[in-house]
Amino acid sequence: MIDIPSLFKTTGEFKALCSDKKKGVLSHAYLTVTPDGRFLDEYLKYIAKIFVCEEDEPCLRCRKCRLIDRNAYADVRFFPKDDAVKTEDVTAIIEESFIKPVEDDKKVFIISHAETMSDIAQNKLLKTLEEPPANVYMILGATGEFPLLSTLKSRVKKFEIPAFSDRALFSALKDDCPDAEKLRIAIAAGDGTAGGALNLYNDEEFAEITEVATDVIVNMKKSTEILAFSNKVAATRCDLKEFLSVLLIAFREMLCKSEGRADLIRSEKLFDGIKGAEGFTRGAIMHAIDKTNEALTRKKYNGNDQMITEWLFFQILEGKYKWQK
């Protein structure tokens, strides 16, 4: 089982919420923002446990904590009922907020993927967010705050879950991901979230992406080969960002080796695959890293994948030529 609690306990949000609870000053409404849509609900459940568990920090063993895991604790209500938060969900939240708790002294409403709310639904929720009934708390979670109205955001205490370190993610995921080398590459190529790393680890095409990236570094030697290698990348049908991320990891592994820092190499398996690369002096590697980062930026702004790939491959070859010994 993925150890989400151990990850969340490293965040500033966890420390702040536990501190607010201990001081008796929990806010009536919180917004948690994380790009990790896969585990957003798990983070929100853990926050709910902070509110209702009798311990200063969630014990994860008591009846309340165990019922929250199953969405079965009467005084913690989960929304939406379907894939997106609808106006009917907001109506139900408002109506239920006036019903007294069944067995606790507080009632907690969890609204997951709040970014899916329409403007109408958000406006309908505003008054309850600003002036909820006594002992009613709202916990909103979103994968991005851009779709949320500024009036809604002004009524909540917002936290962002930061990207986690490679070490923290490896520790949380290792029990469910037995291939340690594959996991390390997936984490390094991911976005700093558990969901992102796990999605890559389980992606059947990810191993192929790694092989193509290795092939490019080791075997692409002339500009006349750029189109052929670019077509290999396109044939994987992967998101170009994933390929560029793996390529960037490989170049960083090469840089670690060139600077005598083999202890910093993340994946021995990936490094072994690129040992045969020729013509990459330290300057050429630094140039390749710089241009791969630039390619990632171009991809972010919706550049054409084929053009970005061909441009990058030309830059890599040009750097090898420019930085020859």
C-alpha atoms as a PDB file:
ATOM      1  CA  MET A   1       0.000   0.000   0.000  1.00  0.00           C
ATOM      2  CA  ILE A   2       1.360   3.428  -0.967  1.00  0.00           C
ATOM      3  CA  ASP A   3       2.515   5.258   2.159  1.00  0.00           C
ATOM      4  CA  ILE A   4       0.753   8.590   1.605  1.00  0.00           C
ATOM      5  CA  PRO A   5       0.775   9.474   5.355  1.00  0.00           C
ATOM      6  CA  SER A   6       4.586   9.425   5.468  1.00  0.00           C
ATOM      7  CA  LEU A   7       4.716  11.811   2.509  1.00  0.00           C
ATOM      8  CA  PHE A   8       2.078  14.169   3.857  1.00  0.00           C
ATOM      9  CA  LYS A   9       3.736  14.358   7.261  1.00  0.00           C
ATOM     10  CA  THR A  10       6.778  16.011   5.635  1.00  0.00           C
ATOM     11  CA  THR A  11       4.720  18.950   4.352  1.00  0.00           C
ATOM     12  CA  GLY A  12       4.199  22.375   5.844  1.00  0.00           C
ATOM     13  CA  GLU A  13       0.448  21.858   5.577  1.00  0.00           C
ATOM     14  CA  PHE A  14       0.575  18.882   7.943  1.00  0.00           C
ATOM     15  CA  LYS A  15       2.573  20.826  10.510  1.00  0.00           C
ATOM     16  CA  ALA A  16       0.319  23.883  10.218  1.00  0.00           C
ATOM     17  CA  LEU A  17      -2.917  21.878  10.532  1.00  0.00           C
ATOM     18  CA  CYS A  18      -1.677  19.952  13.561  1.00  0.00           C
ATOM     19  CA  SER A  19      -0.548  23.205  15.147  1.00  0.00           C
ATOM     20  CA  ASP A  20      -3.942  24.832  14.481  1.00  0.00           C
ATOM     21  CA  LYS A  21      -5.679  21.800  15.992  1.00  0.00           C
ATOM     22  CA  LYS A  22      -3.511  21.821  19.107  1.00  0.00           C
ATOM     23  CA  LYS A  23      -4.174  25.537  19.609  1.00  0.00           C
ATOM     24  CA  GLY A  24      -7.895  25.113  18.920  1.00  0.00           C
ATOM     25  CA  VAL A  25      -7.837  27.543  16.008  1.00  0.00           C
ATOM     26  CA  LEU A  26      -8.682  25.332  13.019  1.00  0.00           C
ATOM     27  CA  SER A  27     -10.031  27.435  10.172  1.00  0.00           C
ATOM     28  CA  HIS A  28     -13.546  26.762   8.919  1.00  0.00           C
ATOM     29  CA  ALA A  29     -12.325  26.193   5.345  1.00  0.00           C
ATOM     30  CA  TYR A  30      -9.112  24.935   3.739  1.00  0.00           C
ATOM     31  CA  LEU A  31      -7.996  24.456   0.146  1.00  0.00           C
ATOM     32  CA  THR A  32      -5.277  21.922  -0.668  1.00  0.00           C
ATOM     33  CA  VAL A  33      -3.681  22.221  -4.112  1.00  0.00           C
ATOM     34  CA  THR A  34      -1.578  19.425  -5.602  1.00  0.00           C
ATOM     35  CA  PRO A  35      -1.070  18.243  -9.199  1.00  0.00           C
ATOM     36  CA  ASP A  36      -1.330  14.684  -7.876  1.00  0.00           C
ATOM     37  CA  GLY A  37      -4.867  13.859  -8.957  1.00  0.00           C
ATOM     38  CA  ARG A  38      -4.279  10.147  -8.396  1.00  0.00           C
ATOM     39  CA  PHE A  39      -3.799  10.545  -4.638  1.00  0.00           C
ATOM     40  CA  LEU A  40      -5.727  13.765  -4.007  1.00  0.00           C
ATOM     41  CA  ASP A  41      -8.478  11.887  -2.155  1.00  0.00           C
ATOM     42  CA  GLU A  42      -5.901  10.177   0.071  1.00  0.00           C
ATOM     43  CA  TYR A  43      -4.438  13.541   1.095  1.00  0.00           C
ATOM     44  CA  LEU A  44      -7.914  14.889   1.828  1.00  0.00           C
ATOM     45  CA  LYS A  45      -8.803  11.848   3.935  1.00  0.00           C
ATOM     46  CA  TYR A  46      -5.642  12.336   5.963  1.00  0.00           C
ATOM     47  CA  ILE A  47      -6.584  15.974   6.560  1.00  0.00           C
ATOM     48  CA  ALA A  48     -10.043  14.843   7.697  1.00  0.00           C
ATOM     49  CA  LYS A  49      -8.363  12.520  10.201  1.00  0.00           C
ATOM     50  CA  ILE A  50      -6.437  15.477  11.617  1.00  0.00           C
ATOM     51  CA  PHE A  51      -9.797  17.135  12.307  1.00  0.00           C
ATOM     52  CA  VAL A  52     -11.566  14.203  13.968  1.00  0.00           C
ATOM     53  CA  CYS A  53      -8.951  11.853  15.451  1.00  0.00           C
ATOM     54  CA  GLU A  54      -8.624  12.178  19.225  1.00  0.00           C
ATOM     55  CA  GLU A  55      -4.819  12.239  19.013  1.00  0.00           C
ATOM     56  CA  ASP A  56      -2.763  15.347  18.208  1.00  0.00           C
ATOM     57  CA  GLU A  57      -1.769  13.608  14.957  1.00  0.00           C
ATOM     58  CA  PRO A  58      -3.894  10.978  13.187  1.00  0.00           C
ATOM     59  CA  CYS A  59      -3.261   7.614  14.813  1.00  0.00           C
ATOM     60  CA  LEU A  60      -4.548   5.742  11.711  1.00  0.00           C
ATOM     61  CA  ARG A  61      -5.746   2.933  14.007  1.00  0.00           C
ATOM     62  CA  CYS A  62      -8.825   4.239  15.816  1.00  0.00           C
ATOM     63  CA  ARG A  63     -12.386   3.644  14.678  1.00  0.00           C
ATOM     64  CA  LYS A  64     -12.732   7.145  13.231  1.00  0.00           C
ATOM     65  CA  CYS A  65      -9.562   6.903  11.159  1.00  0.00           C
ATOM     66  CA  ARG A  66     -10.498   3.469   9.838  1.00  0.00           C
ATOM     67  CA  LEU A  67     -14.034   4.545   8.927  1.00  0.00           C
ATOM     68  CA  ILE A  68     -12.744   7.623   7.078  1.00  0.00           C
ATOM     69  CA  ASP A  69     -10.579   5.324   4.951  1.00  0.00           C
ATOM     70  CA  ARG A  70     -13.795   3.608   3.825  1.00  0.00           C
ATOM     71  CA  ASN A  71     -15.772   6.851   3.390  1.00  0.00           C
ATOM     72  CA  ALA A  72     -18.003   5.482   6.146  1.00  0.00           C
ATOM     73  CA  TYR A  73     -17.655   7.917   9.066  1.00  0.00           C
ATOM     74  CA  ALA A  74     -21.020   9.648   9.506  1.00  0.00           C
ATOM     75  CA  ASP A  75     -19.617  13.097  10.320  1.00  0.00           C
ATOM     76  CA  VAL A  76     -17.148  13.270   7.432  1.00  0.00           C
ATOM     77  CA  ARG A  77     -19.041  13.677   4.167  1.00  0.00           C
ATOM     78  CA  PHE A  78     -17.365  13.164   0.795  1.00  0.00           C
ATOM     79  CA  PHE A  79     -18.194  14.948  -2.464  1.00  0.00           C
ATOM     80  CA  PRO A  80     -18.639  14.749  -5.421  1.00  0.00           C
ATOM     81  CA  LYS A  81     -20.876  11.754  -5.845  1.00  0.00           C
ATOM     82  CA  ASP A  82     -19.731  11.320  -9.444  1.00  0.00           C
ATOM     83  CA  ASP A  83     -16.674  12.480 -11.392  1.00  0.00           C
ATOM     84  CA  ALA A  84     -17.198  16.246 -11.079  1.00  0.00           C
ATOM     85  CA  VAL A  85     -18.612  18.586  -8.442  1.00  0.00           C
ATOM     86  CA  LYS A  86     -22.099  19.522  -9.628  1.00  0.00           C
ATOM     87  CA  THR A  87     -24.517  22.195  -8.452  1.00  0.00           C
ATOM     88  CA  GLU A  88     -26.608  19.405  -6.880  1.00  0.00           C
ATOM     89  CA  ASP A  89     -23.583  18.416  -4.781  1.00  0.00           C
ATOM     90  CA  VAL A  90     -23.206  21.971  -3.508  1.00  0.00           C
ATOM     91  CA  THR A  91     -26.929  22.107  -2.690  1.00  0.00           C
ATOM     92  CA  ALA A  92     -26.586  18.874  -0.689  1.00  0.00           C
ATOM     93  CA  ILE A  93     -23.533  20.224   1.155  1.00  0.00           C
ATOM     94  CA  ILE A  94     -25.369  23.409   2.135  1.00  0.00           C
ATOM     95  CA  GLU A  95     -28.454  21.510   3.310  1.00  0.00           C
ATOM     96  CA  GLU A  96     -26.475  18.887   5.241  1.00  0.00           C
ATOM     97  CA  SER A  97     -24.303  21.536   6.905  1.00  0.00           C
ATOM     98  CA  PHE A  98     -27.341  22.518   9.025  1.00  0.00           C
ATOM     99  CA  ILE A  99     -27.816  18.950  10.264  1.00  0.00           C
ATOM    100  CA  LYS A 100     -26.094  18.326  13.597  1.00  0.00           C
ATOM    101  CA  PRO A 101     -23.205  15.846  13.799  1.00  0.00           C
ATOM    102  CA  VAL A 102     -24.237  12.266  14.519  1.00  0.00           C
ATOM    103  CA  GLU A 103     -21.466  11.192  16.904  1.00  0.00           C
ATOM    104  CA  ASP A 104     -18.830  13.917  16.942  1.00  0.00           C
ATOM    105  CA  ASP A 105     -18.664  17.560  17.976  1.00  0.00           C
ATOM    106  CA  LYS A 106     -17.893  18.668  14.429  1.00  0.00           C
ATOM    107  CA  LYS A 107     -18.922  17.929  10.880  1.00  0.00           C
ATOM    108  CA  VAL A 108     -16.405  17.877   8.023  1.00  0.00           C
ATOM    109  CA  PHE A 109     -17.185  18.178   4.321  1.00  0.00           C
ATOM    110  CA  ILE A 110     -14.582  16.968   1.833  1.00  0.00           C
ATOM    111  CA  ILE A 111     -14.870  18.424  -1.681  1.00  0.00           C
ATOM    112  CA  SER A 112     -12.433  16.679  -3.997  1.00  0.00           C
ATOM    113  CA  HIS A 113     -11.461  18.084  -7.405  1.00  0.00           C
ATOM    114  CA  ALA A 114     -12.988  21.441  -6.581  1.00  0.00           C
ATOM    115  CA  GLU A 115     -11.542  22.711  -9.859  1.00  0.00           C
ATOM    116  CA  THR A 116     -14.380  20.865 -11.637  1.00  0.00           C
ATOM    117  CA  MET A 117     -17.020  23.126 -10.099  1.00  0.00           C
ATOM    118  CA  SER A 118     -18.816  25.484 -12.464  1.00  0.00           C
ATOM    119  CA  ASP A 119     -18.880  29.189 -11.652  1.00  0.00           C
ATOM    120  CA  ILE A 120     -22.524  28.768 -10.665  1.00  0.00           C
ATOM    121  CA  ALA A 121     -21.662  26.003  -8.190  1.00  0.00           C
ATOM    122  CA  GLN A 122     -18.771  27.997  -6.749  1.00  0.00           C
ATOM    123  CA  ASN A 123     -20.910  31.096  -6.253  1.00  0.00           C
ATOM    124  CA  LYS A 124     -23.581  28.983  -4.593  1.00  0.00           C
ATOM    125  CA  LEU A 125     -20.998  27.690  -2.079  1.00  0.00           C
ATOM    126  CA  LEU A 126     -19.556  31.114  -1.192  1.00  0.00           C
ATOM    127  CA  LYS A 127     -21.840  32.062   1.715  1.00  0.00           C
ATOM    128  CA  THR A 128     -21.438  28.662   3.396  1.00  0.00           C
ATOM    129  CA  LEU A 129     -17.655  28.906   3.018  1.00  0.00           C
ATOM    130  CA  GLU A 130     -17.647  32.379   4.545  1.00  0.00           C
ATOM    131  CA  GLU A 131     -20.169  31.790   7.329  1.00  0.00           C
ATOM    132  CA  PRO A 132     -20.652  28.043   7.894  1.00  0.00           C
ATOM    133  CA  PRO A 133     -22.884  26.772  10.707  1.00  0.00           C
ATOM    134  CA  ALA A 134     -21.124  26.199  14.023  1.00  0.00           C
ATOM    135  CA  ASN A 135     -18.630  23.330  14.095  1.00  0.00           C
ATOM    136  CA  VAL A 136     -18.832  22.785  10.331  1.00  0.00           C
ATOM    137  CA  TYR A 137     -15.583  22.585   8.370  1.00  0.00           C
ATOM    138  CA  MET A 138     -14.974  22.537   4.628  1.00  0.00           C
ATOM    139  CA  ILE A 139     -11.885  20.894   3.110  1.00  0.00           C
ATOM    140  CA  LEU A 140     -11.471  21.489  -0.601  1.00  0.00           C
ATOM    141  CA  GLY A 141      -8.898  19.768  -2.782  1.00  0.00           C
ATOM    142  CA  ALA A 142      -7.871  20.720  -6.309  1.00  0.00           C
ATOM    143  CA  THR A 143      -5.242  19.725  -8.854  1.00  0.00           C
ATOM    144  CA  GLY A 144      -4.984  23.376  -9.895  1.00  0.00           C
ATOM    145  CA  GLU A 145      -6.416  26.635  -8.606  1.00  0.00           C
ATOM    146  CA  PHE A 146      -6.783  28.483 -11.943  1.00  0.00           C
ATOM    147  CA  PRO A 147     -10.438  27.387 -12.490  1.00  0.00           C
ATOM    148  CA  LEU A 148     -11.400  28.568  -8.996  1.00  0.00           C
ATOM    149  CA  LEU A 149     -12.967  31.997  -8.562  1.00  0.00           C
ATOM    150  CA  SER A 150     -10.957  34.575  -6.639  1.00  0.00           C
ATOM    151  CA  THR A 151     -13.982  35.127  -4.395  1.00  0.00           C
ATOM    152  CA  LEU A 152     -13.918  31.452  -3.422  1.00  0.00           C
ATOM    153  CA  LYS A 153     -10.167  31.412  -2.827  1.00  0.00           C
ATOM    154  CA  SER A 154     -10.461  34.470  -0.595  1.00  0.00           C
ATOM    155  CA  ARG A 155     -12.707  32.512   1.769  1.00  0.00           C
ATOM    156  CA  VAL A 156     -10.369  29.561   2.371  1.00  0.00           C
ATOM    157  CA  LYS A 157      -6.952  29.021   3.879  1.00  0.00           C
ATOM    158  CA  LYS A 158      -4.863  27.703   1.012  1.00  0.00           C
ATOM    159  CA  PHE A 159      -1.986  25.227   1.107  1.00  0.00           C
ATOM    160  CA  GLU A 160       0.065  23.789  -1.722  1.00  0.00           C
ATOM    161  CA  ILE A 161       1.625  20.351  -1.407  1.00  0.00           C
ATOM    162  CA  PRO A 162       5.165  20.763  -2.781  1.00  0.00           C
ATOM    163  CA  ALA A 163       7.083  18.352  -4.976  1.00  0.00           C
ATOM    164  CA  PHE A 164       8.586  15.580  -2.866  1.00  0.00           C
ATOM    165  CA  SER A 165      12.228  14.524  -2.879  1.00  0.00           C
ATOM    166  CA  ASP A 166      13.295  11.416  -4.774  1.00  0.00           C
ATOM    167  CA  ARG A 167      14.187   9.759  -1.476  1.00  0.00           C
ATOM    168  CA  ALA A 168      10.771  10.426   0.063  1.00  0.00           C
ATOM    169  CA  LEU A 169       8.938   9.126  -3.002  1.00  0.00           C
ATOM    170  CA  PHE A 170      11.103   6.018  -3.221  1.00  0.00           C
ATOM    171  CA  SER A 171      10.423   5.221   0.430  1.00  0.00           C
ATOM    172  CA  ALA A 172       6.663   5.668  -0.049  1.00  0.00           C
ATOM    173  CA  LEU A 173       6.431   3.640  -3.269  1.00  0.00           C
ATOM    174  CA  LYS A 174       9.035   0.902  -2.920  1.00  0.00           C
ATOM    175  CA  ASP A 175       6.736  -1.706  -1.377  1.00  0.00           C
ATOM    176  CA  ASP A 176       4.349  -1.485  -4.339  1.00  0.00           C
ATOM    177  CA  CYS A 177       7.063  -1.114  -6.981  1.00  0.00           C
ATOM    178  CA  PRO A 178       9.523  -4.026  -6.663  1.00  0.00           C
ATOM    179  CA  ASP A 179      11.730  -3.022  -9.624  1.00  0.00           C
ATOM    180  CA  ALA A 180      13.924  -0.498  -7.775  1.00  0.00           C
ATOM    181  CA  GLU A 181      15.842   0.703 -10.849  1.00  0.00           C
ATOM    182  CA  LYS A 182      12.662   1.255 -12.844  1.00  0.00           C
ATOM    183  CA  LEU A 183      11.147   3.102  -9.878  1.00  0.00           C
ATOM    184  CA  ARG A 184      14.153   5.410  -9.550  1.00  0.00           C
ATOM    185  CA  ILE A 185      13.913   6.385 -13.219  1.00  0.00           C
ATOM    186  CA  ALA A 186      10.136   6.868 -12.971  1.00  0.00           C
ATOM    187  CA  ILE A 187      10.566   9.126  -9.927  1.00  0.00           C
ATOM    188  CA  ALA A 188      13.320  11.150 -11.554  1.00  0.00           C
ATOM    189  CA  ALA A 189      11.265  11.565 -14.742  1.00  0.00           C
ATOM    190  CA  GLY A 190       8.092  12.429 -12.847  1.00  0.00           C
ATOM    191  CA  ASP A 191       6.700  15.661 -11.467  1.00  0.00           C
ATOM    192  CA  GLY A 192       7.605  15.178  -7.815  1.00  0.00           C
ATOM    193  CA  THR A 193       4.311  13.489  -6.947  1.00  0.00           C
ATOM    194  CA  ALA A 194       3.570   9.922  -5.914  1.00  0.00           C
ATOM    195  CA  GLY A 195       0.866   9.624  -8.557  1.00  0.00           C
ATOM    196  CA  GLY A 196       3.128  10.876 -11.333  1.00  0.00           C
ATOM    197  CA  ALA A 197       5.909   8.448 -10.446  1.00  0.00           C
ATOM    198  CA  LEU A 198       3.500   5.511 -10.088  1.00  0.00           C
ATOM    199  CA  ASN A 199       1.835   6.271 -13.421  1.00  0.00           C
ATOM    200  CA  LEU A 200       5.214   6.200 -15.169  1.00  0.00           C
ATOM    201  CA  TYR A 201       6.285   3.047 -13.352  1.00  0.00           C
ATOM    202  CA  ASN A 202       3.148   1.237 -14.504  1.00  0.00           C
ATOM    203  CA  ASP A 203       3.248   2.650 -18.046  1.00  0.00           C
ATOM    204  CA  GLU A 204       4.071  -0.232 -20.372  1.00  0.00           C
ATOM    205  CA  GLU A 205       5.651   2.193 -22.833  1.00  0.00           C
ATOM    206  CA  PHE A 206       7.977   3.740 -20.248  1.00  0.00           C
ATOM    207  CA  ALA A 207      10.652   1.054 -20.695  1.00  0.00           C
ATOM    208  CA  GLU A 208      10.528   1.719 -24.432  1.00  0.00           C
ATOM    209  CA  ILE A 209      10.954   5.447 -23.827  1.00  0.00           C
ATOM    210  CA  THR A 210      14.077   4.735 -21.778  1.00  0.00           C
ATOM    211  CA  GLU A 211      15.475   2.493 -24.510  1.00  0.00           C
ATOM    212  CA  VAL A 212      14.918   5.131 -27.195  1.00  0.00           C
ATOM    213  CA  ALA A 213      16.550   7.840 -25.062  1.00  0.00           C
ATOM    214  CA  THR A 214      19.569   5.577 -24.557  1.00  0.00           C
ATOM    215  CA  ASP A 215      19.659   4.824 -28.284  1.00  0.00           C
ATOM    216  CA  VAL A 216      19.697   8.528 -29.131  1.00  0.00           C
ATOM    217  CA  ILE A 217      22.608   9.266 -26.808  1.00  0.00           C
ATOM    218  CA  VAL A 218      24.724   6.280 -27.841  1.00  0.00           C
ATOM    219  CA  ASN A 219      23.994   5.869 -31.545  1.00  0.00           C
ATOM    220  CA  MET A 220      22.947   9.233 -33.019  1.00  0.00           C
ATOM    221  CA  LYS A 221      26.175  10.589 -34.535  1.00  0.00           C
ATOM    222  CA  LYS A 222      25.273  12.581 -37.692  1.00  0.00           C
ATOM    223  CA  SER A 223      22.733  15.243 -38.576  1.00  0.00           C
ATOM    224  CA  THR A 224      21.445  13.019 -41.394  1.00  0.00           C
ATOM    225  CA  GLU A 225      20.219  10.617 -38.708  1.00  0.00           C
ATOM    226  CA  ILE A 226      18.101  13.190 -36.866  1.00  0.00           C
ATOM    227  CA  LEU A 227      14.873  12.446 -38.750  1.00  0.00           C
ATOM    228  CA  ALA A 228      15.199   8.694 -38.214  1.00  0.00           C
ATOM    229  CA  PHE A 229      15.753   9.078 -34.470  1.00  0.00           C
ATOM    230  CA  SER A 230      12.978  11.659 -34.224  1.00  0.00           C
ATOM    231  CA  ASN A 231      10.630   9.157 -35.849  1.00  0.00           C
ATOM    232  CA  LYS A 232      11.659   6.569 -33.249  1.00  0.00           C
ATOM    233  CA  VAL A 233      10.558   8.953 -30.512  1.00  0.00           C
ATOM    234  CA  ALA A 234       7.237   9.596 -32.262  1.00  0.00           C
ATOM    235  CA  ALA A 235       6.686   5.841 -32.690  1.00  0.00           C
ATOM    236  CA  THR A 236       6.614   5.333 -28.914  1.00  0.00           C
ATOM    237  CA  ARG A 237       3.411   7.437 -28.826  1.00  0.00           C
ATOM    238  CA  CYS A 238       4.535   8.771 -25.460  1.00  0.00           C
ATOM    239  CA  ASP A 239       4.097  12.253 -24.108  1.00  0.00           C
ATOM    240  CA  LEU A 240       7.197  14.111 -25.319  1.00  0.00           C
ATOM    241  CA  LYS A 241       7.651  15.487 -21.792  1.00  0.00           C
ATOM    242  CA  GLU A 242       8.283  11.933 -20.537  1.00  0.00           C
ATOM    243  CA  PHE A 243      10.927  11.301 -23.191  1.00  0.00           C
ATOM    244  CA  LEU A 244      12.641  14.626 -22.533  1.00  0.00           C
ATOM    245  CA  SER A 245      12.616  13.961 -18.783  1.00  0.00           C
ATOM    246  CA  VAL A 246      14.336  10.582 -19.247  1.00  0.00           C
ATOM    247  CA  LEU A 247      16.840  12.147 -21.645  1.00  0.00           C
ATOM    248  CA  LEU A 248      17.595  14.828 -19.064  1.00  0.00           C
ATOM    249  CA  ILE A 249      18.178  12.214 -16.363  1.00  0.00           C
ATOM    250  CA  ALA A 250      20.603  10.355 -18.629  1.00  0.00           C
ATOM    251  CA  PHE A 251      22.625  13.491 -19.335  1.00  0.00           C
ATOM    252  CA  ARG A 252      22.732  14.309 -15.631  1.00  0.00           C
ATOM    253  CA  GLU A 253      24.023  10.801 -14.903  1.00  0.00           C
ATOM    254  CA  MET A 254      26.780  11.396 -17.453  1.00  0.00           C
ATOM    255  CA  LEU A 255      27.618  14.732 -15.819  1.00  0.00           C
ATOM    256  CA  CYS A 256      27.881  13.113 -12.378  1.00  0.00           C
ATOM    257  CA  LYS A 257      30.341  10.574 -13.785  1.00  0.00           C
ATOM    258  CA  SER A 258      32.384  13.229 -15.616  1.00  0.00           C
ATOM    259  CA  GLU A 259      32.737  15.219 -12.387  1.00  0.00           C
ATOM    260  CA  GLY A 260      33.788  12.206 -10.351  1.00  0.00           C
ATOM    261  CA  ARG A 261      30.484  12.046  -8.480  1.00  0.00           C
ATOM    262  CA  ALA A 262      29.366   8.530  -9.327  1.00  0.00           C
ATOM    263  CA  ASP A 263      27.763   8.446  -5.861  1.00  0.00           C
ATOM    264  CA  LEU A 264      25.096  10.834  -7.160  1.00  0.00           C
ATOM    265  CA  ILE A 265      24.009   8.572 -10.013  1.00  0.00           C
ATOM    266  CA  ARG A 266      20.309   7.780  -9.594  1.00  0.00           C
ATOM    267  CA  SER A 267      20.021   4.680 -11.774  1.00  0.00           C
ATOM    268  CA  GLU A 268      22.907   2.321 -12.396  1.00  0.00           C
ATOM    269  CA  LYS A 269      20.834   0.519 -15.040  1.00  0.00           C
ATOM    270  CA  LEU A 270      20.290   3.692 -17.059  1.00  0.00           C
ATOM    271  CA  PHE A 271      23.913   4.713 -16.657  1.00  0.00           C
ATOM    272  CA  ASP A 272      25.113   1.310 -17.861  1.00  0.00           C
ATOM    273  CA  GLY A 273      23.031   1.794 -20.994  1.00  0.00           C
ATOM    274  CA  ILE A 274      24.780   5.031 -21.944  1.00  0.00           C
ATOM    275  CA  LYS A 275      28.344   4.071 -21.046  1.00  0.00           C
ATOM    276  CA  GLY A 276      29.157   3.550 -24.713  1.00  0.00           C
ATOM    277  CA  ALA A 277      28.250   7.117 -25.713  1.00  0.00           C
ATOM    278  CA  GLU A 278      31.093   8.862 -27.539  1.00  0.00           C
ATOM    279  CA  GLY A 279      31.988  12.522 -28.016  1.00  0.00           C
ATOM    280  CA  PHE A 280      30.325  13.831 -24.877  1.00  0.00           C
ATOM    281  CA  THR A 281      32.869  15.994 -23.106  1.00  0.00           C
ATOM    282  CA  ARG A 282      31.784  17.839 -19.988  1.00  0.00           C
ATOM    283  CA  GLY A 283      30.998  20.908 -22.090  1.00  0.00           C
ATOM    284  CA  ALA A 284      28.901  18.856 -24.506  1.00  0.00           C
ATOM    285  CA  ILE A 285      26.955  17.307 -21.631  1.00  0.00           C
ATOM    286  CA  MET A 286      26.276  20.702 -20.049  1.00  0.00           C
ATOM    287  CA  HIS A 287      25.123  21.991 -23.448  1.00  0.00           C
ATOM    288  CA  ALA A 288      22.805  18.979 -23.869  1.00  0.00           C
ATOM    289  CA  ILE A 289      21.295  19.519 -20.420  1.00  0.00           C
ATOM    290  CA  ASP A 290      20.688  23.191 -21.165  1.00  0.00           C
ATOM    291  CA  LYS A 291      19.030  22.466 -24.505  1.00  0.00           C
ATOM    292  CA  THR A 292      16.916  19.609 -23.102  1.00  0.00           C
ATOM    293  CA  ASN A 293      15.601  21.973 -20.436  1.00  0.00           C
ATOM    294  CA  GLU A 294      14.829  24.484 -23.180  1.00  0.00           C
ATOM    295  CA  ALA A 295      12.973  21.762 -25.104  1.00  0.00           C
ATOM    296  CA  LEU A 296      10.878  21.051 -21.988  1.00  0.00           C
ATOM    297  CA  THR A 297      10.001  24.750 -21.828  1.00  0.00           C
ATOM    298  CA  ARG A 298       9.009  24.753 -25.492  1.00  0.00           C
ATOM    299  CA  LYS A 299       6.831  21.699 -24.891  1.00  0.00           C
ATOM    300  CA  LYS A 300       5.166  23.473 -21.979  1.00  0.00           C
ATOM    301  CA  TYR A 301       4.018  26.198 -24.346  1.00  0.00           C
ATOM    302  CA  ASN A 302       2.543  23.688 -26.788  1.00  0.00           C
ATOM    303  CA  GLY A 303       5.266  23.627 -29.396  1.00  0.00           C
ATOM    304  CA  ASN A 304       5.109  21.034 -32.181  1.00  0.00           C
ATOM    305  CA  ASP A 305       6.540  17.759 -30.810  1.00  0.00           C
ATOM    306  CA  GLN A 306       8.319  16.740 -34.022  1.00  0.00           C
ATOM    307  CA  MET A 307       9.891  20.165 -34.473  1.00  0.00           C
ATOM    308  CA  ILE A 308      11.011  20.288 -30.837  1.00  0.00           C
ATOM    309  CA  THR A 309      12.563  16.822 -31.081  1.00  0.00           C
ATOM    310  CA  GLU A 310      14.446  17.541 -34.299  1.00  0.00           C
ATOM    311  CA  TRP A 311      15.615  20.918 -32.986  1.00  0.00           C
ATOM    312  CA  LEU A 312      16.905  19.308 -29.790  1.00  0.00           C
ATOM    313  CA  PHE A 313      18.727  16.498 -31.595  1.00  0.00           C
ATOM    314  CA  PHE A 314      20.458  19.056 -33.828  1.00  0.00           C
ATOM    315  CA  GLN A 315      21.481  21.045 -30.739  1.00  0.00           C
ATOM    316  CA  ILE A 316      22.896  17.917 -29.063  1.00  0.00           C
ATOM    317  CA  LEU A 317      25.009  17.068 -32.126  1.00  0.00           C
ATOM    318  CA  GLU A 318      26.133  20.668 -32.512  1.00  0.00           C
ATOM    319  CA  GLY A 319      27.218  20.706 -28.860  1.00  0.00           C
ATOM    320  CA  LYS A 320      29.265  17.524 -29.356  1.00  0.00           C
ATOM    321  CA  TYR A 321      31.023  19.138 -32.320  1.00  0.00           C
ATOM    322  CA  LYS A 322      31.559  22.476 -30.583  1.00  0.00           C
ATOM    323  CA  TRP A 323      32.902  20.935 -27.374  1.00  0.00           C
ATOM    324  CA  GLN A 324      35.233  18.382 -28.894  1.00  0.00           C
ATOM    325  CA  LYS A 325      38.476  17.824 -27.020  1.00  0.00           C
END
